[in-house]
Amino acid sequence: MNEKTGTWTLSLLLALLLASVPAAAADLGPNQHPIPELKVNESIETIAISGELSVQPELGVTAEGAFGIPFGSIVVHTADRTTLVFDSDGNHLFSISDERSTKIPTPAGVEKPCTWVNQIPSGSRAHYCGNTTFVFGAVGEPILTVIDEHPKPVEDLISINITSPGEGEDIWIDAVPPHITVAGEVHAPLGVRSVSILSGTEEIRCGNGTTFACSVPVSAGENTITIQVRDNRRCLVEKTVNVTVHIGQPPPPSVTVSGVVTDREGSPVPGFGPAVGVLSLMGALLIFPGRKRR
C-alpha cells in the first residue's frame, strides 16, 4: 500500500491480487462493459517511462514518479513489446516501449517493465478472463482494462466435450415431466469452478468436476441445451447441443422390402408388377403387390 497516494500496486501477473478477490467480483460482469473499438494512431511517437502506470486524473509523469493514465483506460500489451494506452472511448493516447522503459520489482519478486505494473485505487476489484483483466472500482465502475496480446499456450483454454446427447439427436420420452441426461467432460488447466446446464428457462447446477452428468428438463419439440463452464479465474466458456424430443413410446423399427412376384419356376406372375412391403423387426411381413400396367 502506498500511504501517500492511497493506491494498490497491481502486478499483471495477478497471482497475489486474485487470491484475495471476493466472489462478488464475478457479479460485476465484464460483459456489462464491452470494450470499444480501439483506434490506433500510427503517428503517435513511442516513448519510454520510468514509473508504473497509475490510474488517476493527472496524465503523464506525476510528482511520485508514476505515469498517470485516465480512469477507464484500456491498456494493450502487444506481441512486439509495446504498450498502447487508450481512453475509455478507444482513442489512442500513448505508445510506450516495454524494452526501453525502466524495470521494477513486482509483488511476486520478479522484475518486469514498469508498463506491466499498475497503481489502482484502494477497494478496486479485478476480474480475469482469458487474456483480459478487468478492474472495477468500489461501486462497480470500470476503471482499467488490460489486454495481453502475447501468445498464450493452447493448454490454457477451456474445452467442453458433450458425450450425451448427440447433436441433432431424436429422443423419445414416455415419462412426465420429461427429462434427459446431459453428460460430458471438461478440460480446464486452471481448475473447474462450476458447471451449469441451461435448458429453456431452467438452470441446473452440475458440480465442479472434470466430468458431469445431470438430469435436465426438456419439452416436446426442438430443444437447445447450453453447458456453461467457469474456471478458477472465472473465465466462462459455453457449448450448445440441439435435440428433438418426442413424447411417448418410439415406433418399432422397420425396413422396406421390394421385389417381384414370381411363380415356382421363378417367372414373373402375369398381372402383378413389382411388390413393395414393410418388414417390421417384430416379425411381421406385409406385402402390397402392385398390378401390372397393360
C-alpha atoms as a PDB file:
ATOM      1  CA  MET A   1       0.000   0.000   0.000  1.00  0.00           C
ATOM      2  CA  ASN A   2       1.282   3.439  -0.922  1.00  0.00           C
ATOM      3  CA  GLU A   3       0.172   5.637   2.013  1.00  0.00           C
ATOM      4  CA  LYS A   4       0.692   8.894   0.138  1.00  0.00           C
ATOM      5  CA  THR A   5      -1.440   8.091  -2.904  1.00  0.00           C
ATOM      6  CA  GLY A   6      -3.824   5.609  -1.310  1.00  0.00           C
ATOM      7  CA  THR A   7      -3.328   3.074  -4.109  1.00  0.00           C
ATOM      8  CA  TRP A   8      -2.500  -0.567  -4.551  1.00  0.00           C
ATOM      9  CA  THR A   9       0.288  -1.665  -6.833  1.00  0.00           C
ATOM     10  CA  LEU A  10      -1.069  -4.282  -9.229  1.00  0.00           C
ATOM     11  CA  SER A  11       1.243  -6.714 -10.956  1.00  0.00           C
ATOM     12  CA  LEU A  12      -0.468  -8.035 -14.036  1.00  0.00           C
ATOM     13  CA  LEU A  13       0.696 -11.478 -13.090  1.00  0.00           C
ATOM     14  CA  LEU A  14      -2.263 -11.112 -10.660  1.00  0.00           C
ATOM     15  CA  ALA A  15      -1.242 -14.094  -8.568  1.00  0.00           C
ATOM     16  CA  LEU A  16      -1.384 -12.164  -5.298  1.00  0.00           C
ATOM     17  CA  LEU A  17      -4.321  -9.893  -6.014  1.00  0.00           C
ATOM     18  CA  LEU A  18      -6.684 -12.530  -7.384  1.00  0.00           C
ATOM     19  CA  ALA A  19      -6.112 -14.782  -4.426  1.00  0.00           C
ATOM     20  CA  SER A  20      -7.864 -12.204  -2.234  1.00  0.00           C
ATOM     21  CA  VAL A  21     -10.633 -11.056  -4.603  1.00  0.00           C
ATOM     22  CA  PRO A  22     -14.079 -11.852  -3.135  1.00  0.00           C
ATOM     23  CA  ALA A  23     -16.554 -13.900  -5.145  1.00  0.00           C
ATOM     24  CA  ALA A  24     -18.720 -10.815  -5.603  1.00  0.00           C
ATOM     25  CA  ALA A  25     -16.203  -9.562  -8.165  1.00  0.00           C
ATOM     26  CA  ALA A  26     -17.642 -12.025 -10.657  1.00  0.00           C
ATOM     27  CA  ASP A  27     -21.042 -10.352 -10.362  1.00  0.00           C
ATOM     28  CA  LEU A  28     -19.655  -7.119 -11.787  1.00  0.00           C
ATOM     29  CA  GLY A  29     -19.599  -8.771 -15.185  1.00  0.00           C
ATOM     30  CA  PRO A  30     -17.131  -7.576 -17.857  1.00  0.00           C
ATOM     31  CA  ASN A  31     -19.885  -8.318 -20.410  1.00  0.00           C
ATOM     32  CA  GLN A  32     -21.746  -5.317 -18.961  1.00  0.00           C
ATOM     33  CA  HIS A  33     -18.851  -3.090 -20.063  1.00  0.00           C
ATOM     34  CA  PRO A  34     -17.904  -4.078 -23.650  1.00  0.00           C
ATOM     35  CA  ILE A  35     -14.518  -2.939 -24.919  1.00  0.00           C
ATOM     36  CA  PRO A  36     -14.917  -0.224 -27.567  1.00  0.00           C
ATOM     37  CA  GLU A  37     -13.201  -0.306 -30.941  1.00  0.00           C
ATOM     38  CA  LEU A  38      -9.582   0.660 -30.353  1.00  0.00           C
ATOM     39  CA  LYS A  39      -8.386   3.279 -32.852  1.00  0.00           C
ATOM     40  CA  VAL A  40      -4.587   3.051 -33.178  1.00  0.00           C
ATOM     41  CA  ASN A  41      -2.853   6.265 -34.257  1.00  0.00           C
ATOM     42  CA  GLU A  42       0.359   5.244 -36.028  1.00  0.00           C
ATOM     43  CA  SER A  43       1.673   8.826 -35.880  1.00  0.00           C
ATOM     44  CA  ILE A  44       1.976   8.777 -32.063  1.00  0.00           C
ATOM     45  CA  GLU A  45       5.640   8.577 -31.052  1.00  0.00           C
ATOM     46  CA  THR A  46       6.701   5.630 -28.900  1.00  0.00           C
ATOM     47  CA  ILE A  47       8.129   6.824 -25.589  1.00  0.00           C
ATOM     48  CA  ALA A  48       9.851   5.248 -22.548  1.00  0.00           C
ATOM     49  CA  ILE A  49       8.748   5.736 -18.936  1.00  0.00           C
ATOM     50  CA  SER A  50      10.427   5.183 -15.578  1.00  0.00           C
ATOM     51  CA  GLY A  51       7.436   4.646 -13.246  1.00  0.00           C
ATOM     52  CA  GLU A  52       4.441   2.327 -13.132  1.00  0.00           C
ATOM     53  CA  LEU A  53       1.176   3.236 -14.848  1.00  0.00           C
ATOM     54  CA  SER A  54      -1.138   4.947 -12.350  1.00  0.00           C
ATOM     55  CA  VAL A  55      -4.908   5.349 -12.834  1.00  0.00           C
ATOM     56  CA  GLN A  56      -5.668   8.943 -11.783  1.00  0.00           C
ATOM     57  CA  PRO A  57      -6.935  12.279 -13.152  1.00  0.00           C
ATOM     58  CA  GLU A  58      -3.408  13.542 -13.943  1.00  0.00           C
ATOM     59  CA  LEU A  59      -1.905  12.486 -17.282  1.00  0.00           C
ATOM     60  CA  GLY A  60       1.805  11.995 -17.803  1.00  0.00           C
ATOM     61  CA  VAL A  61       4.558  11.867 -15.174  1.00  0.00           C
ATOM     62  CA  THR A  62       3.261  12.541 -11.643  1.00  0.00           C
ATOM     63  CA  ALA A  63       5.068  14.001  -8.628  1.00  0.00           C
ATOM     64  CA  GLU A  64       5.519  10.472  -7.282  1.00  0.00           C
ATOM     65  CA  GLY A  65       7.278   9.370 -10.479  1.00  0.00           C
ATOM     66  CA  ALA A  66       4.419   7.234 -11.780  1.00  0.00           C
ATOM     67  CA  PHE A  67       2.928   7.727 -15.239  1.00  0.00           C
ATOM     68  CA  GLY A  68      -0.691   8.890 -14.960  1.00  0.00           C
ATOM     69  CA  ILE A  69      -3.379   7.426 -17.228  1.00  0.00           C
ATOM     70  CA  PRO A  70      -7.101   8.348 -17.055  1.00  0.00           C
ATOM     71  CA  PHE A  71      -9.817   6.380 -15.292  1.00  0.00           C
ATOM     72  CA  GLY A  72     -11.402   3.883 -17.681  1.00  0.00           C
ATOM     73  CA  SER A  73      -8.146   3.451 -19.628  1.00  0.00           C
ATOM     74  CA  ILE A  74      -7.626   0.415 -21.844  1.00  0.00           C
ATOM     75  CA  VAL A  75      -4.022  -0.832 -21.826  1.00  0.00           C
ATOM     76  CA  VAL A  76      -2.878  -3.236 -24.553  1.00  0.00           C
ATOM     77  CA  HIS A  77       0.415  -5.133 -24.295  1.00  0.00           C
ATOM     78  CA  THR A  78       1.238  -6.019 -27.896  1.00  0.00           C
ATOM     79  CA  ALA A  79       3.245  -9.010 -29.070  1.00  0.00           C
ATOM     80  CA  ASP A  80       6.052  -6.669 -30.239  1.00  0.00           C
ATOM     81  CA  ARG A  81       6.649  -5.455 -26.637  1.00  0.00           C
ATOM     82  CA  THR A  82       4.870  -2.146 -26.971  1.00  0.00           C
ATOM     83  CA  THR A  83       2.224  -0.953 -24.509  1.00  0.00           C
ATOM     84  CA  LEU A  84      -0.624   1.044 -26.044  1.00  0.00           C
ATOM     85  CA  VAL A  85      -2.850   3.194 -23.813  1.00  0.00           C
ATOM     86  CA  PHE A  86      -6.376   4.155 -24.924  1.00  0.00           C
ATOM     87  CA  ASP A  87      -9.057   6.191 -23.191  1.00  0.00           C
ATOM     88  CA  SER A  88     -12.465   4.700 -22.338  1.00  0.00           C
ATOM     89  CA  ASP A  89     -13.768   5.590 -25.832  1.00  0.00           C
ATOM     90  CA  GLY A  90     -10.946   3.739 -27.605  1.00  0.00           C
ATOM     91  CA  ASN A  91      -8.903   6.827 -28.567  1.00  0.00           C
ATOM     92  CA  HIS A  92      -5.146   6.197 -28.675  1.00  0.00           C
ATOM     93  CA  LEU A  93      -3.287   8.256 -26.031  1.00  0.00           C
ATOM     94  CA  PHE A  94       0.223   6.803 -25.628  1.00  0.00           C
ATOM     95  CA  SER A  95       2.599   4.237 -27.134  1.00  0.00           C
ATOM     96  CA  ILE A  96       5.245   3.049 -24.654  1.00  0.00           C
ATOM     97  CA  SER A  97       8.247   0.802 -25.311  1.00  0.00           C
ATOM     98  CA  ASP A  98       8.490  -2.073 -22.814  1.00  0.00           C
ATOM     99  CA  GLU A  99      12.177  -2.656 -23.587  1.00  0.00           C
ATOM    100  CA  ARG A 100      13.239   0.975 -23.165  1.00  0.00           C
ATOM    101  CA  SER A 101      11.173   1.570 -20.020  1.00  0.00           C
ATOM    102  CA  THR A 102      12.533   1.041 -16.514  1.00  0.00           C
ATOM    103  CA  LYS A 103      12.368  -2.434 -14.967  1.00  0.00           C
ATOM    104  CA  ILE A 104      10.871  -2.540 -11.469  1.00  0.00           C
ATOM    105  CA  PRO A 105      10.211  -5.396  -8.989  1.00  0.00           C
ATOM    106  CA  THR A 106       6.655  -6.751  -8.782  1.00  0.00           C
ATOM    107  CA  PRO A 107       4.976  -8.015  -5.559  1.00  0.00           C
ATOM    108  CA  ALA A 108       5.940 -11.526  -6.686  1.00  0.00           C
ATOM    109  CA  GLY A 109       9.629 -10.530  -6.573  1.00  0.00           C
ATOM    110  CA  VAL A 110      10.111 -10.619 -10.351  1.00  0.00           C
ATOM    111  CA  GLU A 111      11.419  -7.647 -12.317  1.00  0.00           C
ATOM    112  CA  LYS A 112       9.047  -6.505 -15.059  1.00  0.00           C
ATOM    113  CA  PRO A 113       8.913  -3.414 -17.274  1.00  0.00           C
ATOM    114  CA  CYS A 114       7.074  -0.677 -15.389  1.00  0.00           C
ATOM    115  CA  THR A 115       4.478  -0.707 -18.185  1.00  0.00           C
ATOM    116  CA  TRP A 116       3.275  -4.039 -16.754  1.00  0.00           C
ATOM    117  CA  VAL A 117       2.735  -2.724 -13.218  1.00  0.00           C
ATOM    118  CA  ASN A 118      -0.215  -0.506 -12.335  1.00  0.00           C
ATOM    119  CA  GLN A 119      -1.424   1.539  -9.407  1.00  0.00           C
ATOM    120  CA  ILE A 120      -5.172   1.307  -8.829  1.00  0.00           C
ATOM    121  CA  PRO A 121      -7.416   2.858  -6.129  1.00  0.00           C
ATOM    122  CA  SER A 122      -7.963   1.042  -2.839  1.00  0.00           C
ATOM    123  CA  GLY A 123     -11.090  -1.117  -2.824  1.00  0.00           C
ATOM    124  CA  SER A 124     -10.799  -1.974  -6.527  1.00  0.00           C
ATOM    125  CA  ARG A 125     -11.676  -5.459  -7.753  1.00  0.00           C
ATOM    126  CA  ALA A 126     -10.076  -7.412 -10.596  1.00  0.00           C
ATOM    127  CA  HIS A 127     -11.816  -9.884 -12.897  1.00  0.00           C
ATOM    128  CA  TYR A 128      -9.609 -12.052 -15.112  1.00  0.00           C
ATOM    129  CA  CYS A 129     -10.878 -13.770 -18.281  1.00  0.00           C
ATOM    130  CA  GLY A 130      -8.607 -15.205 -20.954  1.00  0.00           C
ATOM    131  CA  ASN A 131      -6.050 -12.567 -21.941  1.00  0.00           C
ATOM    132  CA  THR A 132      -8.033  -9.659 -20.464  1.00  0.00           C
ATOM    133  CA  THR A 133      -8.047  -8.197 -16.959  1.00  0.00           C
ATOM    134  CA  PHE A 134     -10.998  -6.010 -15.959  1.00  0.00           C
ATOM    135  CA  VAL A 135     -10.535  -3.753 -12.910  1.00  0.00           C
ATOM    136  CA  PHE A 136     -13.663  -2.253 -11.318  1.00  0.00           C
ATOM    137  CA  GLY A 137     -13.968   0.453  -8.683  1.00  0.00           C
ATOM    138  CA  ALA A 138     -15.646   0.059  -5.323  1.00  0.00           C
ATOM    139  CA  VAL A 139     -19.112   0.716  -6.781  1.00  0.00           C
ATOM    140  CA  GLY A 140     -18.610  -1.435  -9.884  1.00  0.00           C
ATOM    141  CA  GLU A 141     -17.488   1.210 -12.399  1.00  0.00           C
ATOM    142  CA  PRO A 142     -14.771   0.126 -14.871  1.00  0.00           C
ATOM    143  CA  ILE A 143     -11.512   1.929 -14.103  1.00  0.00           C
ATOM    144  CA  LEU A 144      -8.959  -0.123 -16.048  1.00  0.00           C
ATOM    145  CA  THR A 145      -8.916  -2.826 -18.732  1.00  0.00           C
ATOM    146  CA  VAL A 146      -5.656  -4.613 -19.573  1.00  0.00           C
ATOM    147  CA  ILE A 147      -5.311  -6.806 -22.676  1.00  0.00           C
ATOM    148  CA  ASP A 148      -2.285  -9.069 -23.102  1.00  0.00           C
ATOM    149  CA  GLU A 149      -1.756  -9.920 -26.783  1.00  0.00           C
ATOM    150  CA  HIS A 150       1.286 -12.099 -26.124  1.00  0.00           C
ATOM    151  CA  PRO A 151       0.645 -15.648 -27.378  1.00  0.00           C
ATOM    152  CA  LYS A 152      -0.707 -17.978 -24.716  1.00  0.00           C
ATOM    153  CA  PRO A 153      -0.242 -21.768 -24.597  1.00  0.00           C
ATOM    154  CA  VAL A 154      -3.132 -23.713 -26.053  1.00  0.00           C
ATOM    155  CA  GLU A 155      -3.472 -25.713 -22.838  1.00  0.00           C
ATOM    156  CA  ASP A 156      -4.677 -22.582 -21.012  1.00  0.00           C
ATOM    157  CA  LEU A 157      -8.003 -22.812 -22.883  1.00  0.00           C
ATOM    158  CA  ILE A 158     -11.183 -24.394 -21.507  1.00  0.00           C
ATOM    159  CA  SER A 159     -12.782 -27.093 -23.675  1.00  0.00           C
ATOM    160  CA  ILE A 160     -16.097 -28.935 -23.298  1.00  0.00           C
ATOM    161  CA  ASN A 161     -16.823 -32.369 -24.803  1.00  0.00           C
ATOM    162  CA  ILE A 162     -20.531 -33.333 -24.729  1.00  0.00           C
ATOM    163  CA  THR A 163     -20.754 -37.128 -24.797  1.00  0.00           C
ATOM    164  CA  SER A 164     -24.553 -37.340 -24.500  1.00  0.00           C
ATOM    165  CA  PRO A 165     -26.893 -36.478 -26.138  1.00  0.00           C
ATOM    166  CA  GLY A 166     -25.564 -36.214 -29.673  1.00  0.00           C
ATOM    167  CA  GLU A 167     -26.093 -33.127 -31.816  1.00  0.00           C
ATOM    168  CA  GLY A 168     -29.454 -33.317 -33.642  1.00  0.00           C
ATOM    169  CA  GLU A 169     -30.477 -36.495 -31.828  1.00  0.00           C
ATOM    170  CA  ASP A 170     -34.161 -37.577 -31.733  1.00  0.00           C
ATOM    171  CA  ILE A 171     -35.145 -38.624 -28.218  1.00  0.00           C
ATOM    172  CA  TRP A 172     -38.348 -40.455 -27.209  1.00  0.00           C
ATOM    173  CA  ILE A 173     -39.565 -39.999 -23.633  1.00  0.00           C
ATOM    174  CA  ASP A 174     -42.628 -41.599 -22.011  1.00  0.00           C
ATOM    175  CA  ALA A 175     -42.063 -40.141 -18.515  1.00  0.00           C
ATOM    176  CA  VAL A 176     -43.690 -36.975 -17.165  1.00  0.00           C
ATOM    177  CA  PRO A 177     -42.238 -34.399 -16.727  1.00  0.00           C
ATOM    178  CA  PRO A 178     -39.720 -35.192 -19.489  1.00  0.00           C
ATOM    179  CA  HIS A 179     -36.010 -35.126 -18.592  1.00  0.00           C
ATOM    180  CA  ILE A 180     -32.837 -36.240 -20.354  1.00  0.00           C
ATOM    181  CA  THR A 181     -29.330 -36.851 -19.039  1.00  0.00           C
ATOM    182  CA  VAL A 182     -26.680 -34.458 -20.300  1.00  0.00           C
ATOM    183  CA  ALA A 183     -23.147 -35.757 -19.831  1.00  0.00           C
ATOM    184  CA  GLY A 184     -19.660 -34.762 -20.865  1.00  0.00           C
ATOM    185  CA  GLU A 185     -16.084 -33.888 -19.979  1.00  0.00           C
ATOM    186  CA  VAL A 186     -14.303 -30.609 -19.208  1.00  0.00           C
ATOM    187  CA  HIS A 187     -10.665 -29.674 -19.794  1.00  0.00           C
ATOM    188  CA  ALA A 188      -9.688 -26.643 -17.694  1.00  0.00           C
ATOM    189  CA  PRO A 189      -5.978 -26.340 -16.786  1.00  0.00           C
ATOM    190  CA  LEU A 190      -6.753 -23.693 -14.136  1.00  0.00           C
ATOM    191  CA  GLY A 191      -9.372 -25.920 -12.493  1.00  0.00           C
ATOM    192  CA  VAL A 192     -13.158 -26.091 -12.811  1.00  0.00           C
ATOM    193  CA  ARG A 193     -15.066 -23.617 -10.653  1.00  0.00           C
ATOM    194  CA  SER A 194     -18.602 -24.533 -11.789  1.00  0.00           C
ATOM    195  CA  VAL A 195     -20.594 -26.385 -14.434  1.00  0.00           C
ATOM    196  CA  SER A 196     -24.126 -25.194 -15.247  1.00  0.00           C
ATOM    197  CA  ILE A 197     -26.614 -26.508 -17.806  1.00  0.00           C
ATOM    198  CA  LEU A 198     -29.262 -24.219 -19.279  1.00  0.00           C
ATOM    199  CA  SER A 199     -32.425 -25.705 -20.813  1.00  0.00           C
ATOM    200  CA  GLY A 200     -35.272 -23.344 -21.609  1.00  0.00           C
ATOM    201  CA  THR A 201     -35.729 -21.155 -18.547  1.00  0.00           C
ATOM    202  CA  GLU A 202     -34.137 -23.723 -16.200  1.00  0.00           C
ATOM    203  CA  GLU A 203     -30.543 -23.633 -14.934  1.00  0.00           C
ATOM    204  CA  ILE A 204     -29.140 -26.835 -13.447  1.00  0.00           C
ATOM    205  CA  ARG A 205     -26.003 -26.704 -11.274  1.00  0.00           C
ATOM    206  CA  CYS A 206     -23.866 -29.671 -12.235  1.00  0.00           C
ATOM    207  CA  GLY A 207     -20.930 -29.562  -9.808  1.00  0.00           C
ATOM    208  CA  ASN A 208     -17.335 -28.560 -10.455  1.00  0.00           C
ATOM    209  CA  GLY A 209     -15.703 -31.758 -11.665  1.00  0.00           C
ATOM    210  CA  THR A 210     -13.914 -32.594 -14.887  1.00  0.00           C
ATOM    211  CA  THR A 211     -16.830 -34.861 -15.818  1.00  0.00           C
ATOM    212  CA  PHE A 212     -20.539 -34.097 -15.494  1.00  0.00           C
ATOM    213  CA  ALA A 213     -23.851 -35.940 -15.860  1.00  0.00           C
ATOM    214  CA  CYS A 214     -27.098 -34.258 -14.819  1.00  0.00           C
ATOM    215  CA  SER A 215     -30.805 -34.769 -15.428  1.00  0.00           C
ATOM    216  CA  VAL A 216     -32.130 -31.778 -17.361  1.00  0.00           C
ATOM    217  CA  PRO A 217     -35.777 -30.813 -18.043  1.00  0.00           C
ATOM    218  CA  VAL A 218     -36.842 -30.648 -21.693  1.00  0.00           C
ATOM    219  CA  SER A 219     -40.068 -30.091 -23.630  1.00  0.00           C
ATOM    220  CA  ALA A 220     -41.657 -31.683 -26.687  1.00  0.00           C
ATOM    221  CA  GLY A 221     -40.125 -30.476 -29.932  1.00  0.00           C
ATOM    222  CA  GLU A 222     -36.778 -28.812 -30.572  1.00  0.00           C
ATOM    223  CA  ASN A 223     -34.584 -28.042 -27.550  1.00  0.00           C
ATOM    224  CA  THR A 224     -31.308 -26.115 -27.315  1.00  0.00           C
ATOM    225  CA  ILE A 225     -29.241 -27.066 -24.269  1.00  0.00           C
ATOM    226  CA  THR A 226     -26.245 -24.944 -23.206  1.00  0.00           C
ATOM    227  CA  ILE A 227     -23.398 -26.138 -20.985  1.00  0.00           C
ATOM    228  CA  GLN A 228     -21.514 -23.326 -19.224  1.00  0.00           C
ATOM    229  CA  VAL A 229     -18.141 -23.867 -17.521  1.00  0.00           C
ATOM    230  CA  ARG A 230     -16.218 -21.354 -15.378  1.00  0.00           C
ATOM    231  CA  ASP A 231     -12.632 -21.981 -14.355  1.00  0.00           C
ATOM    232  CA  ASN A 232     -10.988 -20.806 -11.135  1.00  0.00           C
ATOM    233  CA  ARG A 233     -10.231 -17.422 -12.680  1.00  0.00           C
ATOM    234  CA  ARG A 234     -13.927 -17.079 -13.549  1.00  0.00           C
ATOM    235  CA  CYS A 235     -13.388 -17.262 -17.295  1.00  0.00           C
ATOM    236  CA  LEU A 236     -16.617 -18.514 -18.886  1.00  0.00           C
ATOM    237  CA  VAL A 237     -16.884 -20.901 -21.858  1.00  0.00           C
ATOM    238  CA  GLU A 238     -20.103 -22.446 -23.171  1.00  0.00           C
ATOM    239  CA  LYS A 239     -21.172 -25.062 -25.713  1.00  0.00           C
ATOM    240  CA  THR A 240     -24.631 -25.970 -27.026  1.00  0.00           C
ATOM    241  CA  VAL A 241     -26.311 -29.135 -28.263  1.00  0.00           C
ATOM    242  CA  ASN A 242     -29.649 -29.342 -30.110  1.00  0.00           C
ATOM    243  CA  VAL A 243     -32.074 -32.258 -29.700  1.00  0.00           C
ATOM    244  CA  THR A 244     -35.661 -33.035 -30.742  1.00  0.00           C
ATOM    245  CA  VAL A 245     -37.871 -34.562 -28.039  1.00  0.00           C
ATOM    246  CA  HIS A 246     -40.859 -36.803 -28.814  1.00  0.00           C
ATOM    247  CA  ILE A 247     -43.326 -37.729 -26.078  1.00  0.00           C
ATOM    248  CA  GLY A 248     -44.408 -41.387 -25.983  1.00  0.00           C
ATOM    249  CA  GLN A 249     -43.079 -44.793 -26.995  1.00  0.00           C
ATOM    250  CA  PRO A 250     -40.926 -44.884 -30.127  1.00  0.00           C
ATOM    251  CA  PRO A 251     -42.401 -46.830 -33.109  1.00  0.00           C
ATOM    252  CA  PRO A 252     -40.918 -50.284 -33.756  1.00  0.00           C
ATOM    253  CA  PRO A 253     -38.015 -50.141 -36.190  1.00  0.00           C
ATOM    254  CA  SER A 254     -38.694 -51.450 -39.705  1.00  0.00           C
ATOM    255  CA  VAL A 255     -37.093 -51.823 -43.121  1.00  0.00           C
ATOM    256  CA  THR A 256     -38.557 -51.566 -46.612  1.00  0.00           C
ATOM    257  CA  VAL A 257     -38.528 -54.720 -48.775  1.00  0.00           C
ATOM    258  CA  SER A 258     -39.097 -54.640 -52.538  1.00  0.00           C
ATOM    259  CA  GLY A 259     -39.106 -57.275 -55.293  1.00  0.00           C
ATOM    260  CA  VAL A 260     -41.245 -59.030 -57.911  1.00  0.00           C
ATOM    261  CA  VAL A 261     -43.898 -61.737 -57.618  1.00  0.00           C
ATOM    262  CA  THR A 262     -42.835 -64.987 -59.342  1.00  0.00           C
ATOM    263  CA  ASP A 263     -44.215 -68.479 -59.790  1.00  0.00           C
ATOM    264  CA  ARG A 264     -42.430 -71.611 -58.576  1.00  0.00           C
ATOM    265  CA  GLU A 265     -40.252 -71.656 -61.656  1.00  0.00           C
ATOM    266  CA  GLY A 266     -39.071 -68.088 -60.982  1.00  0.00           C
ATOM    267  CA  SER A 267     -41.036 -66.470 -63.788  1.00  0.00           C
ATOM    268  CA  PRO A 268     -42.929 -63.226 -63.107  1.00  0.00           C
ATOM    269  CA  VAL A 269     -46.602 -63.794 -62.392  1.00  0.00           C
ATOM    270  CA  PRO A 270     -48.747 -62.126 -65.078  1.00  0.00           C
ATOM    271  CA  GLY A 271     -50.888 -59.276 -63.822  1.00  0.00           C
ATOM    272  CA  PHE A 272     -48.587 -58.256 -60.964  1.00  0.00           C
ATOM    273  CA  GLY A 273     -45.991 -55.545 -61.019  1.00  0.00           C
ATOM    274  CA  PRO A 274     -43.146 -55.078 -58.518  1.00  0.00           C
ATOM    275  CA  ALA A 275     -44.098 -55.883 -54.925  1.00  0.00           C
ATOM    276  CA  VAL A 276     -43.310 -53.497 -52.080  1.00  0.00           C
ATOM    277  CA  GLY A 277     -43.592 -54.344 -48.394  1.00  0.00           C
ATOM    278  CA  VAL A 278     -42.526 -53.277 -44.923  1.00  0.00           C
ATOM    279  CA  LEU A 279     -40.662 -55.735 -42.745  1.00  0.00           C
ATOM    280  CA  SER A 280     -41.135 -54.980 -39.056  1.00  0.00           C
ATOM    281  CA  LEU A 281     -38.401 -56.176 -36.743  1.00  0.00           C
ATOM    282  CA  MET A 282     -41.249 -57.516 -34.611  1.00  0.00           C
ATOM    283  CA  GLY A 283     -41.529 -60.277 -37.211  1.00  0.00           C
ATOM    284  CA  ALA A 284     -44.475 -59.256 -39.449  1.00  0.00           C
ATOM    285  CA  LEU A 285     -44.095 -59.006 -43.231  1.00  0.00           C
ATOM    286  CA  LEU A 286     -46.732 -57.015 -45.068  1.00  0.00           C
ATOM    287  CA  ILE A 287     -46.695 -57.234 -48.871  1.00  0.00           C
ATOM    288  CA  PHE A 288     -48.591 -54.869 -51.134  1.00  0.00           C
ATOM    289  CA  PRO A 289     -48.350 -56.260 -54.662  1.00  0.00           C
ATOM    290  CA  GLY A 290     -48.916 -53.835 -57.489  1.00  0.00           C
ATOM    291  CA  ARG A 291     -50.982 -54.776 -60.538  1.00  0.00           C
ATOM    292  CA  LYS A 292     -49.012 -54.862 -63.774  1.00  0.00           C
ATOM    293  CA  ARG A 293     -49.647 -51.997 -66.152  1.00  0.00           C
ATOM    294  CA  ARG A 294     -51.008 -53.084 -69.532  1.00  0.00           C
END
